[in-house]
Amino acid sequence: MPANTQALIEKIEALPAERRAEVEDFVDFIATKTRRLAALDRLLAIAPALEAAGAPPMTEEEIAAEVEAVRAARRSRSASADRS
């Protein structure tokens, strides 16, 4: 493990529990943001192929419906996990 990583771990371990929880929340936020940006990059990478294939562009309403469907599925999975 690099020395700077070990130093960071030691600093985090020295924090009170509530501050460590804040650090964990922030790391989760950064990880989520990174995953979303990667997903956007993958989507944008296939956009030219979709256009070349003649796929019609989605309307804003279709996009909103897709986003809501994904959110609903996540809420459902989260609710199922909470009941477990």
N, C-alpha and C. Protein backbone atom coordinates (compact mmCIF):
# COMPACT_ATOMS: atom_id res chain seq x y z
N MET A 1 0.85 -1.17 0.00
CA MET A 1 0.00 0.00 0.00
C MET A 1 0.90 1.24 0.00
N PRO A 2 0.63 2.22 -0.87
CA PRO A 2 1.45 3.42 -0.90
C PRO A 2 1.43 4.15 0.45
N ALA A 3 2.52 4.81 0.74
CA ALA A 3 2.64 5.51 2.03
C ALA A 3 1.54 6.56 2.19
N ASN A 4 1.19 7.29 1.12
CA ASN A 4 0.16 8.32 1.24
C ASN A 4 -1.21 7.71 1.53
N THR A 5 -1.47 6.51 1.03
CA THR A 5 -2.72 5.82 1.34
C THR A 5 -2.75 5.43 2.80
N GLN A 6 -1.65 4.91 3.30
CA GLN A 6 -1.59 4.52 4.71
C GLN A 6 -1.76 5.75 5.60
N ALA A 7 -1.15 6.87 5.24
CA ALA A 7 -1.29 8.10 6.02
C ALA A 7 -2.75 8.56 6.04
N LEU A 8 -3.42 8.44 4.91
CA LEU A 8 -4.84 8.82 4.86
C LEU A 8 -5.67 7.91 5.75
N ILE A 9 -5.41 6.63 5.70
CA ILE A 9 -6.13 5.68 6.55
C ILE A 9 -5.91 6.02 8.03
N GLU A 10 -4.69 6.33 8.39
CA GLU A 10 -4.40 6.68 9.78
C GLU A 10 -5.13 7.95 10.20
N LYS A 11 -5.19 8.93 9.31
CA LYS A 11 -5.93 10.17 9.63
C LYS A 11 -7.41 9.88 9.83
N ILE A 12 -7.97 9.04 8.96
CA ILE A 12 -9.39 8.69 9.09
C ILE A 12 -9.64 7.93 10.38
N GLU A 13 -8.77 6.99 10.70
CA GLU A 13 -8.93 6.21 11.94
C GLU A 13 -8.83 7.07 13.18
N ALA A 14 -8.11 8.19 13.10
CA ALA A 14 -7.95 9.08 14.25
C ALA A 14 -9.19 9.96 14.48
N LEU A 15 -10.08 10.01 13.51
CA LEU A 15 -11.28 10.84 13.64
C LEU A 15 -12.30 10.20 14.57
N PRO A 16 -13.14 11.04 15.20
CA PRO A 16 -14.26 10.49 15.99
C PRO A 16 -15.21 9.73 15.04
N ALA A 17 -15.98 8.82 15.58
CA ALA A 17 -16.86 7.95 14.79
C ALA A 17 -17.80 8.75 13.88
N GLU A 18 -18.38 9.82 14.38
CA GLU A 18 -19.33 10.60 13.55
C GLU A 18 -18.63 11.26 12.37
N ARG A 19 -17.38 11.64 12.55
CA ARG A 19 -16.61 12.24 11.44
C ARG A 19 -16.21 11.17 10.43
N ARG A 20 -15.89 9.97 10.91
CA ARG A 20 -15.58 8.86 9.99
C ARG A 20 -16.80 8.54 9.13
N ALA A 21 -17.99 8.63 9.75
CA ALA A 21 -19.22 8.40 8.99
C ALA A 21 -19.38 9.45 7.90
N GLU A 22 -19.02 10.69 8.20
CA GLU A 22 -19.08 11.75 7.19
C GLU A 22 -18.10 11.48 6.05
N VAL A 23 -16.92 11.01 6.39
CA VAL A 23 -15.92 10.67 5.37
C VAL A 23 -16.46 9.54 4.50
N GLU A 24 -17.05 8.54 5.12
CA GLU A 24 -17.61 7.42 4.35
C GLU A 24 -18.71 7.90 3.41
N ASP A 25 -19.59 8.78 3.91
CA ASP A 25 -20.65 9.34 3.05
C ASP A 25 -20.05 10.09 1.87
N PHE A 26 -19.00 10.85 2.12
CA PHE A 26 -18.36 11.62 1.04
C PHE A 26 -17.72 10.69 0.02
N VAL A 27 -17.07 9.64 0.49
CA VAL A 27 -16.45 8.66 -0.43
C VAL A 27 -17.54 7.98 -1.25
N ASP A 28 -18.67 7.64 -0.63
CA ASP A 28 -19.78 7.05 -1.37
C ASP A 28 -20.29 8.02 -2.43
N PHE A 29 -20.40 9.30 -2.09
CA PHE A 29 -20.84 10.32 -3.03
C PHE A 29 -19.90 10.39 -4.23
N ILE A 30 -18.60 10.43 -3.96
CA ILE A 30 -17.62 10.50 -5.05
C ILE A 30 -17.69 9.24 -5.92
N ALA A 31 -17.84 8.08 -5.30
CA ALA A 31 -17.92 6.83 -6.06
C ALA A 31 -19.16 6.82 -6.95
N THR A 32 -20.28 7.28 -6.42
CA THR A 32 -21.52 7.34 -7.21
C THR A 32 -21.35 8.30 -8.38
N LYS A 33 -20.77 9.45 -8.11
CA LYS A 33 -20.55 10.43 -9.17
C LYS A 33 -19.64 9.86 -10.25
N THR A 34 -18.61 9.14 -9.84
CA THR A 34 -17.69 8.52 -10.80
C THR A 34 -18.40 7.49 -11.65
N ARG A 35 -19.25 6.66 -11.03
CA ARG A 35 -20.00 5.65 -11.79
C ARG A 35 -20.96 6.30 -12.77
N ARG A 36 -21.62 7.37 -12.34
CA ARG A 36 -22.55 8.06 -13.24
C ARG A 36 -21.83 8.68 -14.42
N LEU A 37 -20.69 9.28 -14.17
CA LEU A 37 -19.93 9.88 -15.27
C LEU A 37 -19.44 8.81 -16.23
N ALA A 38 -19.04 7.66 -15.70
CA ALA A 38 -18.60 6.55 -16.56
C ALA A 38 -19.76 6.04 -17.41
N ALA A 39 -20.94 5.94 -16.81
CA ALA A 39 -22.12 5.51 -17.56
C ALA A 39 -22.46 6.51 -18.66
N LEU A 40 -22.36 7.79 -18.35
CA LEU A 40 -22.61 8.82 -19.36
C LEU A 40 -21.59 8.71 -20.49
N ASP A 41 -20.34 8.50 -20.15
CA ASP A 41 -19.30 8.34 -21.17
C ASP A 41 -19.61 7.15 -22.08
N ARG A 42 -20.06 6.03 -21.48
CA ARG A 42 -20.40 4.86 -22.29
C ARG A 42 -21.57 5.15 -23.21
N LEU A 43 -22.55 5.86 -22.69
CA LEU A 43 -23.71 6.22 -23.49
C LEU A 43 -23.31 7.13 -24.65
N LEU A 44 -22.52 8.13 -24.36
CA LEU A 44 -22.09 9.05 -25.42
C LEU A 44 -21.21 8.35 -26.44
N ALA A 45 -20.49 7.33 -26.02
CA ALA A 45 -19.62 6.60 -26.94
C ALA A 45 -20.42 5.83 -27.99
N ILE A 46 -21.63 5.39 -27.64
CA ILE A 46 -22.43 4.64 -28.61
C ILE A 46 -23.37 5.52 -29.41
N ALA A 47 -23.49 6.78 -29.04
CA ALA A 47 -24.42 7.68 -29.74
C ALA A 47 -24.14 7.74 -31.25
N PRO A 48 -22.90 7.88 -31.70
CA PRO A 48 -22.67 7.92 -33.15
C PRO A 48 -23.12 6.63 -33.86
N ALA A 49 -22.93 5.49 -33.21
CA ALA A 49 -23.35 4.22 -33.82
C ALA A 49 -24.87 4.16 -33.93
N LEU A 50 -25.56 4.65 -32.92
CA LEU A 50 -27.02 4.67 -32.97
C LEU A 50 -27.51 5.58 -34.10
N GLU A 51 -26.88 6.73 -34.22
CA GLU A 51 -27.26 7.67 -35.27
C GLU A 51 -26.99 7.06 -36.64
N ALA A 52 -25.83 6.43 -36.81
CA ALA A 52 -25.47 5.81 -38.08
C ALA A 52 -26.42 4.67 -38.44
N ALA A 53 -26.95 4.00 -37.43
CA ALA A 53 -27.88 2.90 -37.66
C ALA A 53 -29.28 3.40 -37.96
N GLY A 54 -29.47 4.70 -37.87
CA GLY A 54 -30.78 5.26 -38.18
C GLY A 54 -31.76 5.22 -37.03
N ALA A 55 -31.27 4.97 -35.82
CA ALA A 55 -32.15 4.96 -34.65
C ALA A 55 -32.66 6.38 -34.41
N PRO A 56 -33.97 6.53 -34.24
CA PRO A 56 -34.50 7.87 -34.02
C PRO A 56 -34.09 8.39 -32.64
N PRO A 57 -33.82 9.66 -32.52
CA PRO A 57 -33.47 10.21 -31.20
C PRO A 57 -34.68 10.13 -30.27
N MET A 58 -34.40 9.96 -28.99
CA MET A 58 -35.48 9.91 -28.00
C MET A 58 -35.99 11.31 -27.71
N THR A 59 -37.27 11.40 -27.45
CA THR A 59 -37.85 12.68 -27.05
C THR A 59 -37.55 12.91 -25.57
N GLU A 60 -37.73 14.13 -25.13
CA GLU A 60 -37.52 14.41 -23.70
C GLU A 60 -38.49 13.61 -22.84
N GLU A 61 -39.71 13.41 -23.35
CA GLU A 61 -40.69 12.63 -22.61
C GLU A 61 -40.25 11.17 -22.48
N GLU A 62 -39.69 10.60 -23.57
CA GLU A 62 -39.21 9.23 -23.52
C GLU A 62 -38.04 9.09 -22.55
N ILE A 63 -37.17 10.06 -22.57
CA ILE A 63 -36.03 10.05 -21.64
C ILE A 63 -36.53 10.11 -20.20
N ALA A 64 -37.47 11.03 -19.94
CA ALA A 64 -38.03 11.16 -18.58
C ALA A 64 -38.69 9.86 -18.14
N ALA A 65 -39.40 9.21 -19.06
CA ALA A 65 -40.05 7.95 -18.72
C ALA A 65 -39.02 6.87 -18.39
N GLU A 66 -37.94 6.80 -19.16
CA GLU A 66 -36.88 5.82 -18.89
C GLU A 66 -36.23 6.08 -17.54
N VAL A 67 -35.93 7.34 -17.26
CA VAL A 67 -35.32 7.70 -15.98
C VAL A 67 -36.25 7.31 -14.83
N GLU A 68 -37.52 7.61 -14.96
CA GLU A 68 -38.48 7.27 -13.91
C GLU A 68 -38.58 5.76 -13.73
N ALA A 69 -38.54 5.01 -14.81
CA ALA A 69 -38.60 3.55 -14.71
C ALA A 69 -37.40 3.00 -13.95
N VAL A 70 -36.23 3.52 -14.23
CA VAL A 70 -35.02 3.08 -13.53
C VAL A 70 -35.11 3.45 -12.05
N ARG A 71 -35.56 4.66 -11.77
CA ARG A 71 -35.70 5.09 -10.37
C ARG A 71 -36.70 4.22 -9.63
N ALA A 72 -37.82 3.90 -10.28
CA ALA A 72 -38.84 3.06 -9.65
C ALA A 72 -38.27 1.67 -9.35
N ALA A 73 -37.50 1.14 -10.29
CA ALA A 73 -36.89 -0.18 -10.07
C ALA A 73 -35.91 -0.13 -8.90
N ARG A 74 -35.14 0.94 -8.81
CA ARG A 74 -34.20 1.07 -7.69
C ARG A 74 -34.94 1.19 -6.36
N ARG A 75 -36.03 1.98 -6.36
CA ARG A 75 -36.82 2.12 -5.13
C ARG A 75 -37.38 0.76 -4.71
N SER A 76 -37.85 0.00 -5.68
CA SER A 76 -38.41 -1.32 -5.40
C SER A 76 -37.35 -2.25 -4.83
N ARG A 77 -36.16 -2.26 -5.44
CA ARG A 77 -35.08 -3.10 -4.93
C ARG A 77 -34.67 -2.66 -3.54
N SER A 78 -34.62 -1.35 -3.31
CA SER A 78 -34.23 -0.83 -2.00
C SER A 78 -35.26 -1.21 -0.95
N ALA A 79 -36.53 -1.10 -1.30
CA ALA A 79 -37.59 -1.46 -0.36
C ALA A 79 -37.53 -2.96 -0.03
N SER A 80 -37.25 -3.77 -1.04
CA SER A 80 -37.12 -5.22 -0.82
C SER A 80 -35.95 -5.53 0.09
N ALA A 81 -34.83 -4.82 -0.13
CA ALA A 81 -33.64 -5.03 0.69
C ALA A 81 -33.89 -4.60 2.13
N ASP A 82 -34.65 -3.52 2.31
CA ASP A 82 -34.93 -3.03 3.65
C ASP A 82 -35.80 -4.01 4.44
N ARG A 83 -36.65 -4.74 3.73
CA ARG A 83 -37.53 -5.71 4.39
C ARG A 83 -36.77 -6.98 4.76
N SER A 84 -35.63 -7.19 4.17
CA SER A 84 -34.85 -8.42 4.40
C SER A 84 -34.15 -8.38 5.74
